[in-house]
Every structure is written in structure tokens, then in C-alpha cells.
Amino acid sequence: MIELIKKAFYTGLGAAELTREKVEDLARELADKGKVSESEIKKFVDEMLDKSQERKDQLMKQFEKMIEEALKKMNLASRDDLDALEKRLAEKIRKAREKGADE
């Protein structure tokens, strides 16, 4: 019975949309109907919340990758590019000051 409910959650709501409240509500409903034991409920809630967090993390990684690819296509300077440019400019300014002090 629990396996069937897990599959329904994964396909119906989507694991990323699960909240503790949703999972606990479903678990209570099942317990009220006598379909599952208290230990099964706790295990079910914990497992569903873990899966939900895993899916959220996966979605965030995919989103970050998409943004990174879009920025590359836009040919914008990265933080590393700007840092390197700043270092080069600081070095040129330092050298120009040294040269000016020598004259």
C-alpha cells in the first residue's frame, strides 16, 4: 500500500512539491483508515521529505546550469574575468607610478 502511495506522489504531485504538511496529512488519512501503522507513517513521511529535498536540489542545479549557459551565450564577463582585469590594471597603475617617480 505504501509503495502505491509513493508512486502516486512521485507522479501526481511531483517530489519537488512535497511539504511536510502534505505528507503528514496523507499519512494521517491513511492511519485513520487503518491502512498503515504508526512506524510506517513516520518512515513514509521521512522518506517523502528526503525525496522532495533531493528533487529540489536537482532542480536547482539544473536551473543554475541553464543560467550559466545563457550567460556564456551572451558573452558577458565572468567574476573571474573581472578579477583578472582588475589585477592587470592595478599592476599597470603601480608600474606607471614607479616610472613617474623615477623621472
PDB file of N, CA and C in Angstrom:
ATOM      1  N   MET A   1       0.824  -1.196   0.000  1.00  0.00           N
ATOM      2  CA  MET A   1       0.000   0.000   0.000  1.00  0.00           C
ATOM      3  C   MET A   1       0.869   1.261   0.000  1.00  0.00           C
ATOM      4  N   ILE A   2       1.885   1.286   0.848  1.00  0.00           N
ATOM      5  CA  ILE A   2       2.782   2.445   0.927  1.00  0.00           C
ATOM      6  C   ILE A   2       3.472   2.661  -0.416  1.00  0.00           C
ATOM      7  N   GLU A   3       3.902   1.597  -1.061  1.00  0.00           N
ATOM      8  CA  GLU A   3       4.592   1.730  -2.347  1.00  0.00           C
ATOM      9  C   GLU A   3       3.683   2.367  -3.394  1.00  0.00           C
ATOM     10  N   LEU A   4       2.435   1.984  -3.397  1.00  0.00           N
ATOM     11  CA  LEU A   4       1.475   2.553  -4.337  1.00  0.00           C
ATOM     12  C   LEU A   4       1.298   4.051  -4.087  1.00  0.00           C
ATOM     13  N   ILE A   5       1.234   4.439  -2.837  1.00  0.00           N
ATOM     14  CA  ILE A   5       1.081   5.855  -2.488  1.00  0.00           C
ATOM     15  C   ILE A   5       2.327   6.644  -2.876  1.00  0.00           C
ATOM     16  N   LYS A   6       3.503   6.056  -2.664  1.00  0.00           N
ATOM     17  CA  LYS A   6       4.752   6.713  -3.050  1.00  0.00           C
ATOM     18  C   LYS A   6       4.755   6.997  -4.545  1.00  0.00           C
ATOM     19  N   LYS A   7       4.364   6.003  -5.318  1.00  0.00           N
ATOM     20  CA  LYS A   7       4.327   6.178  -6.769  1.00  0.00           C
ATOM     21  C   LYS A   7       3.339   7.273  -7.159  1.00  0.00           C
ATOM     22  N   ALA A   8       2.226   7.323  -6.487  1.00  0.00           N
ATOM     23  CA  ALA A   8       1.226   8.354  -6.776  1.00  0.00           C
ATOM     24  C   ALA A   8       1.777   9.742  -6.464  1.00  0.00           C
ATOM     25  N   PHE A   9       2.496   9.845  -5.375  1.00  0.00           N
ATOM     26  CA  PHE A   9       3.103  11.126  -5.023  1.00  0.00           C
ATOM     27  C   PHE A   9       4.130  11.540  -6.064  1.00  0.00           C
ATOM     28  N   TYR A  10       4.978  10.618  -6.436  1.00  0.00           N
ATOM     29  CA  TYR A  10       6.042  10.942  -7.394  1.00  0.00           C
ATOM     30  C   TYR A  10       5.473  11.404  -8.729  1.00  0.00           C
ATOM     31  N   THR A  11       4.407  10.747  -9.185  1.00  0.00           N
ATOM     32  CA  THR A  11       3.868  11.096 -10.494  1.00  0.00           C
ATOM     33  C   THR A  11       2.814  12.192 -10.422  1.00  0.00           C
ATOM     34  N   GLY A  12       2.002  12.196  -9.380  1.00  0.00           N
ATOM     35  CA  GLY A  12       0.916  13.164  -9.291  1.00  0.00           C
ATOM     36  C   GLY A  12       1.348  14.548  -8.841  1.00  0.00           C
ATOM     37  N   LEU A  13       1.909  14.637  -7.682  1.00  0.00           N
ATOM     38  CA  LEU A  13       2.284  15.934  -7.147  1.00  0.00           C
ATOM     39  C   LEU A  13       3.671  16.363  -7.587  1.00  0.00           C
ATOM     40  N   GLY A  14       4.513  15.399  -7.834  1.00  0.00           N
ATOM     41  CA  GLY A  14       5.906  15.735  -8.130  1.00  0.00           C
ATOM     42  C   GLY A  14       6.657  15.835  -6.822  1.00  0.00           C
ATOM     43  N   ALA A  15       7.776  15.154  -6.745  1.00  0.00           N
ATOM     44  CA  ALA A  15       8.520  15.096  -5.485  1.00  0.00           C
ATOM     45  C   ALA A  15       8.994  16.464  -5.027  1.00  0.00           C
ATOM     46  N   ALA A  16       9.198  17.392  -5.934  1.00  0.00           N
ATOM     47  CA  ALA A  16       9.682  18.716  -5.540  1.00  0.00           C
ATOM     48  C   ALA A  16       8.609  19.535  -4.841  1.00  0.00           C
ATOM     49  N   GLU A  17       7.351  19.158  -5.001  1.00  0.00           N
ATOM     50  CA  GLU A  17       6.264  19.937  -4.430  1.00  0.00           C
ATOM     51  C   GLU A  17       5.826  19.456  -3.052  1.00  0.00           C
ATOM     52  N   LEU A  18       6.425  18.411  -2.570  1.00  0.00           N
ATOM     53  CA  LEU A  18       6.003  17.867  -1.288  1.00  0.00           C
ATOM     54  C   LEU A  18       6.409  18.775  -0.141  1.00  0.00           C
ATOM     55  N   THR A  19       5.497  18.961   0.778  1.00  0.00           N
ATOM     56  CA  THR A  19       5.801  19.672   2.008  1.00  0.00           C
ATOM     57  C   THR A  19       5.496  18.737   3.162  1.00  0.00           C
ATOM     58  N   ARG A  20       6.070  19.048   4.289  1.00  0.00           N
ATOM     59  CA  ARG A  20       5.816  18.219   5.469  1.00  0.00           C
ATOM     60  C   ARG A  20       4.317  18.122   5.728  1.00  0.00           C
ATOM     61  N   GLU A  21       3.616  19.216   5.605  1.00  0.00           N
ATOM     62  CA  GLU A  21       2.182  19.228   5.879  1.00  0.00           C
ATOM     63  C   GLU A  21       1.414  18.299   4.934  1.00  0.00           C
ATOM     64  N   LYS A  22       1.717  18.344   3.652  1.00  0.00           N
ATOM     65  CA  LYS A  22       1.038  17.488   2.683  1.00  0.00           C
ATOM     66  C   LYS A  22       1.274  16.015   2.996  1.00  0.00           C
ATOM     67  N   VAL A  23       2.528  15.692   3.269  1.00  0.00           N
ATOM     68  CA  VAL A  23       2.875  14.298   3.538  1.00  0.00           C
ATOM     69  C   VAL A  23       2.212  13.824   4.823  1.00  0.00           C
ATOM     70  N   GLU A  24       2.277  14.649   5.862  1.00  0.00           N
ATOM     71  CA  GLU A  24       1.671  14.257   7.137  1.00  0.00           C
ATOM     72  C   GLU A  24       0.157  14.128   7.022  1.00  0.00           C
ATOM     73  N   ASP A  25      -0.462  15.006   6.238  1.00  0.00           N
ATOM     74  CA  ASP A  25      -1.917  14.906   6.039  1.00  0.00           C
ATOM     75  C   ASP A  25      -2.287  13.574   5.397  1.00  0.00           C
ATOM     76  N   LEU A  26      -1.561  13.199   4.366  1.00  0.00           N
ATOM     77  CA  LEU A  26      -1.841  11.933   3.699  1.00  0.00           C
ATOM     78  C   LEU A  26      -1.577  10.761   4.643  1.00  0.00           C
ATOM     79  N   ALA A  27      -0.503  10.844   5.394  1.00  0.00           N
ATOM     80  CA  ALA A  27      -0.172   9.760   6.325  1.00  0.00           C
ATOM     81  C   ALA A  27      -1.262   9.623   7.399  1.00  0.00           C
ATOM     82  N   ARG A  28      -1.748  10.756   7.914  1.00  0.00           N
ATOM     83  CA  ARG A  28      -2.824  10.713   8.913  1.00  0.00           C
ATOM     84  C   ARG A  28      -4.095  10.104   8.328  1.00  0.00           C
ATOM     85  N   GLU A  29      -4.381  10.477   7.109  1.00  0.00           N
ATOM     86  CA  GLU A  29      -5.571   9.947   6.437  1.00  0.00           C
ATOM     87  C   GLU A  29      -5.477   8.425   6.317  1.00  0.00           C
ATOM     88  N   LEU A  30      -4.306   7.947   5.941  1.00  0.00           N
ATOM     89  CA  LEU A  30      -4.108   6.504   5.826  1.00  0.00           C
ATOM     90  C   LEU A  30      -4.199   5.820   7.190  1.00  0.00           C
ATOM     91  N   ALA A  31      -3.628   6.478   8.203  1.00  0.00           N
ATOM     92  CA  ALA A  31      -3.667   5.902   9.551  1.00  0.00           C
ATOM     93  C   ALA A  31      -5.105   5.838  10.050  1.00  0.00           C
ATOM     94  N   ASP A  32      -5.879   6.885   9.781  1.00  0.00           N
ATOM     95  CA  ASP A  32      -7.285   6.906  10.210  1.00  0.00           C
ATOM     96  C   ASP A  32      -8.075   5.765   9.577  1.00  0.00           C
ATOM     97  N   LYS A  33      -7.709   5.422   8.370  1.00  0.00           N
ATOM     98  CA  LYS A  33      -8.393   4.331   7.675  1.00  0.00           C
ATOM     99  C   LYS A  33      -7.831   2.966   8.065  1.00  0.00           C
ATOM    100  N   GLY A  34      -6.804   2.979   8.916  1.00  0.00           N
ATOM    101  CA  GLY A  34      -6.217   1.722   9.371  1.00  0.00           C
ATOM    102  C   GLY A  34      -5.375   1.023   8.326  1.00  0.00           C
ATOM    103  N   LYS A  35      -4.926   1.756   7.329  1.00  0.00           N
ATOM    104  CA  LYS A  35      -4.165   1.149   6.239  1.00  0.00           C
ATOM    105  C   LYS A  35      -2.687   0.963   6.573  1.00  0.00           C
ATOM    106  N   VAL A  36      -2.162   1.798   7.481  1.00  0.00           N
ATOM    107  CA  VAL A  36      -0.733   1.714   7.800  1.00  0.00           C
ATOM    108  C   VAL A  36      -0.526   1.897   9.296  1.00  0.00           C
ATOM    109  N   SER A  37       0.614   1.424   9.768  1.00  0.00           N
ATOM    110  CA  SER A  37       0.943   1.549  11.186  1.00  0.00           C
ATOM    111  C   SER A  37       1.667   2.872  11.431  1.00  0.00           C
ATOM    112  N   GLU A  38       1.808   3.235  12.706  1.00  0.00           N
ATOM    113  CA  GLU A  38       2.496   4.473  13.072  1.00  0.00           C
ATOM    114  C   GLU A  38       3.953   4.468  12.613  1.00  0.00           C
ATOM    115  N   SER A  39       4.623   3.325  12.739  1.00  0.00           N
ATOM    116  CA  SER A  39       6.029   3.267  12.312  1.00  0.00           C
ATOM    117  C   SER A  39       6.140   3.433  10.801  1.00  0.00           C
ATOM    118  N   GLU A  40       5.178   2.877  10.066  1.00  0.00           N
ATOM    119  CA  GLU A  40       5.175   3.049   8.616  1.00  0.00           C
ATOM    120  C   GLU A  40       4.919   4.512   8.238  1.00  0.00           C
ATOM    121  N   ILE A  41       4.075   5.169   9.014  1.00  0.00           N
ATOM    122  CA  ILE A  41       3.778   6.576   8.750  1.00  0.00           C
ATOM    123  C   ILE A  41       5.027   7.422   8.916  1.00  0.00           C
ATOM    124  N   LYS A  42       5.747   7.220  10.022  1.00  0.00           N
ATOM    125  CA  LYS A  42       6.950   8.007  10.266  1.00  0.00           C
ATOM    126  C   LYS A  42       7.979   7.760   9.169  1.00  0.00           C
ATOM    127  N   LYS A  43       8.163   6.503   8.817  1.00  0.00           N
ATOM    128  CA  LYS A  43       9.110   6.163   7.762  1.00  0.00           C
ATOM    129  C   LYS A  43       8.688   6.799   6.438  1.00  0.00           C
ATOM    130  N   PHE A  44       7.408   6.734   6.144  1.00  0.00           N
ATOM    131  CA  PHE A  44       6.861   7.301   4.916  1.00  0.00           C
ATOM    132  C   PHE A  44       7.096   8.817   4.855  1.00  0.00           C
ATOM    133  N   VAL A  45       6.778   9.510   5.937  1.00  0.00           N
ATOM    134  CA  VAL A  45       6.942  10.964   5.981  1.00  0.00           C
ATOM    135  C   VAL A  45       8.408  11.330   5.780  1.00  0.00           C
ATOM    136  N   ASP A  46       9.287  10.674   6.506  1.00  0.00           N
ATOM    137  CA  ASP A  46      10.723  10.970   6.391  1.00  0.00           C
ATOM    138  C   ASP A  46      11.239  10.704   4.978  1.00  0.00           C
ATOM    139  N   GLU A  47      10.841   9.582   4.410  1.00  0.00           N
ATOM    140  CA  GLU A  47      11.298   9.229   3.073  1.00  0.00           C
ATOM    141  C   GLU A  47      10.783  10.212   2.023  1.00  0.00           C
ATOM    142  N   MET A  48       9.514  10.584   2.121  1.00  0.00           N
ATOM    143  CA  MET A  48       8.946  11.514   1.157  1.00  0.00           C
ATOM    144  C   MET A  48       9.616  12.883   1.248  1.00  0.00           C
ATOM    145  N   LEU A  49       9.899  13.332   2.460  1.00  0.00           N
ATOM    146  CA  LEU A  49      10.552  14.634   2.618  1.00  0.00           C
ATOM    147  C   LEU A  49      11.987  14.599   2.107  1.00  0.00           C
ATOM    148  N   ASP A  50      12.674  13.491   2.328  1.00  0.00           N
ATOM    149  CA  ASP A  50      14.036  13.346   1.796  1.00  0.00           C
ATOM    150  C   ASP A  50      14.021  13.387   0.271  1.00  0.00           C
ATOM    151  N   LYS A  51      13.094  12.651  -0.326  1.00  0.00           N
ATOM    152  CA  LYS A  51      12.988  12.629  -1.785  1.00  0.00           C
ATOM    153  C   LYS A  51      12.631  14.012  -2.325  1.00  0.00           C
ATOM    154  N   SER A  52      11.765  14.702  -1.617  1.00  0.00           N
ATOM    155  CA  SER A  52      11.383  16.043  -2.037  1.00  0.00           C
ATOM    156  C   SER A  52      12.591  16.971  -2.035  1.00  0.00           C
ATOM    157  N   GLN A  53      13.396  16.904  -0.984  1.00  0.00           N
ATOM    158  CA  GLN A  53      14.583  17.756  -0.903  1.00  0.00           C
ATOM    159  C   GLN A  53      15.587  17.400  -1.996  1.00  0.00           C
ATOM    160  N   GLU A  54      15.757  16.119  -2.255  1.00  0.00           N
ATOM    161  CA  GLU A  54      16.666  15.689  -3.324  1.00  0.00           C
ATOM    162  C   GLU A  54      16.220  16.256  -4.665  1.00  0.00           C
ATOM    163  N   ARG A  55      14.928  16.209  -4.925  1.00  0.00           N
ATOM    164  CA  ARG A  55      14.409  16.711  -6.197  1.00  0.00           C
ATOM    165  C   ARG A  55      14.582  18.226  -6.294  1.00  0.00           C
ATOM    166  N   LYS A  56      14.351  18.919  -5.204  1.00  0.00           N
ATOM    167  CA  LYS A  56      14.552  20.371  -5.201  1.00  0.00           C
ATOM    168  C   LYS A  56      16.011  20.702  -5.498  1.00  0.00           C
ATOM    169  N   ASP A  57      16.922  19.957  -4.885  1.00  0.00           N
ATOM    170  CA  ASP A  57      18.353  20.178  -5.125  1.00  0.00           C
ATOM    171  C   ASP A  57      18.702  19.926  -6.594  1.00  0.00           C
ATOM    172  N   GLN A  58      18.140  18.862  -7.169  1.00  0.00           N
ATOM    173  CA  GLN A  58      18.383  18.565  -8.584  1.00  0.00           C
ATOM    174  C   GLN A  58      17.874  19.681  -9.483  1.00  0.00           C
ATOM    175  N   LEU A  59      16.687  20.160  -9.174  1.00  0.00           N
ATOM    176  CA  LEU A  59      16.109  21.241  -9.977  1.00  0.00           C
ATOM    177  C   LEU A  59      16.942  22.515  -9.873  1.00  0.00           C
ATOM    178  N   MET A  60      17.457  22.806  -8.685  1.00  0.00           N
ATOM    179  CA  MET A  60      18.288  23.995  -8.502  1.00  0.00           C
ATOM    180  C   MET A  60      19.573  23.879  -9.312  1.00  0.00           C
ATOM    181  N   LYS A  61      20.186  22.712  -9.319  1.00  0.00           N
ATOM    182  CA  LYS A  61      21.404  22.504 -10.111  1.00  0.00           C
ATOM    183  C   LYS A  61      21.115  22.689 -11.601  1.00  0.00           C
ATOM    184  N   GLN A  62      19.989  22.150 -12.061  1.00  0.00           N
ATOM    185  CA  GLN A  62      19.622  22.304 -13.469  1.00  0.00           C
ATOM    186  C   GLN A  62      19.382  23.769 -13.806  1.00  0.00           C
ATOM    187  N   PHE A  63      18.730  24.475 -12.912  1.00  0.00           N
ATOM    188  CA  PHE A  63      18.447  25.887 -13.119  1.00  0.00           C
ATOM    189  C   PHE A  63      19.746  26.694 -13.187  1.00  0.00           C
ATOM    190  N   GLU A  64      20.664  26.424 -12.265  1.00  0.00           N
ATOM    191  CA  GLU A  64      21.949  27.119 -12.256  1.00  0.00           C
ATOM    192  C   GLU A  64      22.728  26.851 -13.543  1.00  0.00           C
ATOM    193  N   LYS A  65      22.684  25.614 -14.010  1.00  0.00           N
ATOM    194  CA  LYS A  65      23.381  25.258 -15.247  1.00  0.00           C
ATOM    195  C   LYS A  65      22.782  26.006 -16.436  1.00  0.00           C
ATOM    196  N   MET A  66      21.464  26.094 -16.485  1.00  0.00           N
ATOM    197  CA  MET A  66      20.802  26.805 -17.575  1.00  0.00           C
ATOM    198  C   MET A  66      21.194  28.289 -17.569  1.00  0.00           C
ATOM    199  N   ILE A  67      21.243  28.880 -16.397  1.00  0.00           N
ATOM    200  CA  ILE A  67      21.610  30.291 -16.296  1.00  0.00           C
ATOM    201  C   ILE A  67      23.054  30.489 -16.737  1.00  0.00           C
ATOM    202  N   GLU A  68      23.922  29.603 -16.273  1.00  0.00           N
ATOM    203  CA  GLU A  68      25.334  29.689 -16.639  1.00  0.00           C
ATOM    204  C   GLU A  68      25.504  29.598 -18.165  1.00  0.00           C
ATOM    205  N   GLU A  69      24.808  28.681 -18.790  1.00  0.00           N
ATOM    206  CA  GLU A  69      24.887  28.521 -20.245  1.00  0.00           C
ATOM    207  C   GLU A  69      24.341  29.757 -20.967  1.00  0.00           C
ATOM    208  N   ALA A  70      23.265  30.315 -20.449  1.00  0.00           N
ATOM    209  CA  ALA A  70      22.697  31.521 -21.060  1.00  0.00           C
ATOM    210  C   ALA A  70      23.667  32.687 -20.958  1.00  0.00           C
ATOM    211  N   LEU A  71      24.327  32.829 -19.821  1.00  0.00           N
ATOM    212  CA  LEU A  71      25.295  33.914 -19.649  1.00  0.00           C
ATOM    213  C   LEU A  71      26.490  33.738 -20.582  1.00  0.00           C
ATOM    214  N   LYS A  72      26.926  32.501 -20.771  1.00  0.00           N
ATOM    215  CA  LYS A  72      28.038  32.242 -21.696  1.00  0.00           C
ATOM    216  C   LYS A  72      27.650  32.650 -23.116  1.00  0.00           C
ATOM    217  N   LYS A  73      26.437  32.337 -23.512  1.00  0.00           N
ATOM    218  CA  LYS A  73      25.968  32.685 -24.852  1.00  0.00           C
ATOM    219  C   LYS A  73      25.878  34.199 -25.035  1.00  0.00           C
ATOM    220  N   MET A  74      25.650  34.904 -23.939  1.00  0.00           N
ATOM    221  CA  MET A  74      25.559  36.359 -24.003  1.00  0.00           C
ATOM    222  C   MET A  74      26.947  36.999 -24.041  1.00  0.00           C
ATOM    223  N   ASN A  75      27.975  36.187 -23.853  1.00  0.00           N
ATOM    224  CA  ASN A  75      29.368  36.635 -23.908  1.00  0.00           C
ATOM    225  C   ASN A  75      29.654  37.741 -22.888  1.00  0.00           C
ATOM    226  N   LEU A  76      29.123  37.593 -21.688  1.00  0.00           N
ATOM    227  CA  LEU A  76      29.370  38.546 -20.612  1.00  0.00           C
ATOM    228  C   LEU A  76      30.616  38.150 -19.840  1.00  0.00           C
ATOM    229  N   ALA A  77      31.286  39.140 -19.273  1.00  0.00           N
ATOM    230  CA  ALA A  77      32.470  38.863 -18.462  1.00  0.00           C
ATOM    231  C   ALA A  77      32.043  38.179 -17.164  1.00  0.00           C
ATOM    232  N   SER A  78      32.831  37.191 -16.766  1.00  0.00           N
ATOM    233  CA  SER A  78      32.549  36.493 -15.512  1.00  0.00           C
ATOM    234  C   SER A  78      33.239  37.219 -14.362  1.00  0.00           C
ATOM    235  N   ARG A  79      32.956  36.817 -13.152  1.00  0.00           N
ATOM    236  CA  ARG A  79      33.610  37.383 -11.970  1.00  0.00           C
ATOM    237  C   ARG A  79      35.110  37.158 -12.071  1.00  0.00           C
ATOM    238  N   ASP A  80      35.520  35.984 -12.510  1.00  0.00           N
ATOM    239  CA  ASP A  80      36.950  35.686 -12.665  1.00  0.00           C
ATOM    240  C   ASP A  80      37.590  36.603 -13.703  1.00  0.00           C
ATOM    241  N   ASP A  81      36.888  36.851 -14.810  1.00  0.00           N
ATOM    242  CA  ASP A  81      37.402  37.754 -15.843  1.00  0.00           C
ATOM    243  C   ASP A  81      37.614  39.156 -15.265  1.00  0.00           C
ATOM    244  N   LEU A  82      36.630  39.624 -14.517  1.00  0.00           N
ATOM    245  CA  LEU A  82      36.728  40.966 -13.935  1.00  0.00           C
ATOM    246  C   LEU A  82      37.844  41.051 -12.896  1.00  0.00           C
ATOM    247  N   ASP A  83      38.001  40.013 -12.101  1.00  0.00           N
ATOM    248  CA  ASP A  83      39.086  39.984 -11.102  1.00  0.00           C
ATOM    249  C   ASP A  83      40.449  40.029 -11.778  1.00  0.00           C
ATOM    250  N   ALA A  84      40.604  39.249 -12.857  1.00  0.00           N
ATOM    251  CA  ALA A  84      41.875  39.235 -13.586  1.00  0.00           C
ATOM    252  C   ALA A  84      42.152  40.601 -14.201  1.00  0.00           C
ATOM    253  N   LEU A  85      41.142  41.229 -14.745  1.00  0.00           N
ATOM    254  CA  LEU A  85      41.295  42.556 -15.336  1.00  0.00           C
ATOM    255  C   LEU A  85      41.676  43.585 -14.270  1.00  0.00           C
ATOM    256  N   GLU A  86      41.060  43.484 -13.129  1.00  0.00           N
ATOM    257  CA  GLU A  86      41.371  44.390 -12.021  1.00  0.00           C
ATOM    258  C   GLU A  86      42.833  44.245 -11.586  1.00  0.00           C
ATOM    259  N   LYS A  87      43.309  43.022 -11.505  1.00  0.00           N
ATOM    260  CA  LYS A  87      44.712  42.777 -11.124  1.00  0.00           C
ATOM    261  C   LYS A  87      45.660  43.371 -12.169  1.00  0.00           C
ATOM    262  N   ARG A  88      45.348  43.160 -13.450  1.00  0.00           N
ATOM    263  CA  ARG A  88      46.197  43.700 -14.520  1.00  0.00           C
ATOM    264  C   ARG A  88      46.239  45.218 -14.472  1.00  0.00           C
ATOM    265  N   LEU A  89      45.078  45.826 -14.244  1.00  0.00           N
ATOM    266  CA  LEU A  89      45.006  47.275 -14.180  1.00  0.00           C
ATOM    267  C   LEU A  89      45.787  47.809 -12.974  1.00  0.00           C
ATOM    268  N   ALA A  90      45.649  47.162 -11.838  1.00  0.00           N
ATOM    269  CA  ALA A  90      46.381  47.586 -10.643  1.00  0.00           C
ATOM    270  C   ALA A  90      47.884  47.494 -10.876  1.00  0.00           C
ATOM    271  N   GLU A  91      48.330  46.460 -11.576  1.00  0.00           N
ATOM    272  CA  GLU A  91      49.753  46.290 -11.875  1.00  0.00           C
ATOM    273  C   GLU A  91      50.237  47.397 -12.819  1.00  0.00           C
ATOM    274  N   LYS A  92      49.458  47.716 -13.814  1.00  0.00           N
ATOM    275  CA  LYS A  92      49.836  48.793 -14.753  1.00  0.00           C
ATOM    276  C   LYS A  92      49.906  50.142 -14.034  1.00  0.00           C
ATOM    277  N   ILE A  93      48.967  50.402 -13.139  1.00  0.00           N
ATOM    278  CA  ILE A  93      48.975  51.648 -12.373  1.00  0.00           C
ATOM    279  C   ILE A  93      50.214  51.703 -11.485  1.00  0.00           C
ATOM    280  N   ARG A  94      50.521  50.586 -10.831  1.00  0.00           N
ATOM    281  CA  ARG A  94      51.705  50.538  -9.967  1.00  0.00           C
ATOM    282  C   ARG A  94      52.968  50.818 -10.779  1.00  0.00           C
ATOM    283  N   LYS A  95      53.086  50.185 -11.939  1.00  0.00           N
ATOM    284  CA  LYS A  95      54.263  50.388 -12.792  1.00  0.00           C
ATOM    285  C   LYS A  95      54.349  51.833 -13.286  1.00  0.00           C
ATOM    286  N   ALA A  96      53.193  52.425 -13.650  1.00  0.00           N
ATOM    287  CA  ALA A  96      53.185  53.811 -14.119  1.00  0.00           C
ATOM    288  C   ALA A  96      53.628  54.759 -13.010  1.00  0.00           C
ATOM    289  N   ARG A  97      53.202  54.489 -11.781  1.00  0.00           N
ATOM    290  CA  ARG A  97      53.612  55.326 -10.626  1.00  0.00           C
ATOM    291  C   ARG A  97      55.107  55.190 -10.374  1.00  0.00           C
ATOM    292  N   GLU A  98      55.610  53.960 -10.471  1.00  0.00           N
ATOM    293  CA  GLU A  98      57.056  53.744 -10.277  1.00  0.00           C
ATOM    294  C   GLU A  98      57.853  54.481 -11.352  1.00  0.00           C
ATOM    295  N   LYS A  99      57.376  54.374 -12.555  1.00  0.00           N
ATOM    296  CA  LYS A  99      58.070  55.045 -13.675  1.00  0.00           C
ATOM    297  C   LYS A  99      58.038  56.551 -13.482  1.00  0.00           C
ATOM    298  N   GLY A 100      56.911  57.088 -13.032  1.00  0.00           N
ATOM    299  CA  GLY A 100      56.790  58.514 -12.790  1.00  0.00           C
ATOM    300  C   GLY A 100      57.678  58.979 -11.649  1.00  0.00           C
ATOM    301  N   ALA A 101      57.867  58.155 -10.651  1.00  0.00           N
ATOM    302  CA  ALA A 101      58.716  58.513  -9.507  1.00  0.00           C
ATOM    303  C   ALA A 101      60.180  58.496  -9.900  1.00  0.00           C
ATOM    304  N   ASP A 102      60.565  57.664 -10.871  1.00  0.00           N
ATOM    305  CA  ASP A 102      61.941  57.570 -11.331  1.00  0.00           C
ATOM    306  C   ASP A 102      62.347  58.799 -12.153  1.00  0.00           C
ATOM    307  N   GLU A 103      61.423  59.463 -12.759  1.00  0.00           N
ATOM    308  CA  GLU A 103      61.760  60.587 -13.651  1.00  0.00           C
ATOM    309  C   GLU A 103      61.938  61.850 -12.901  1.00  0.00           C
TER     310      GLU A 103
END
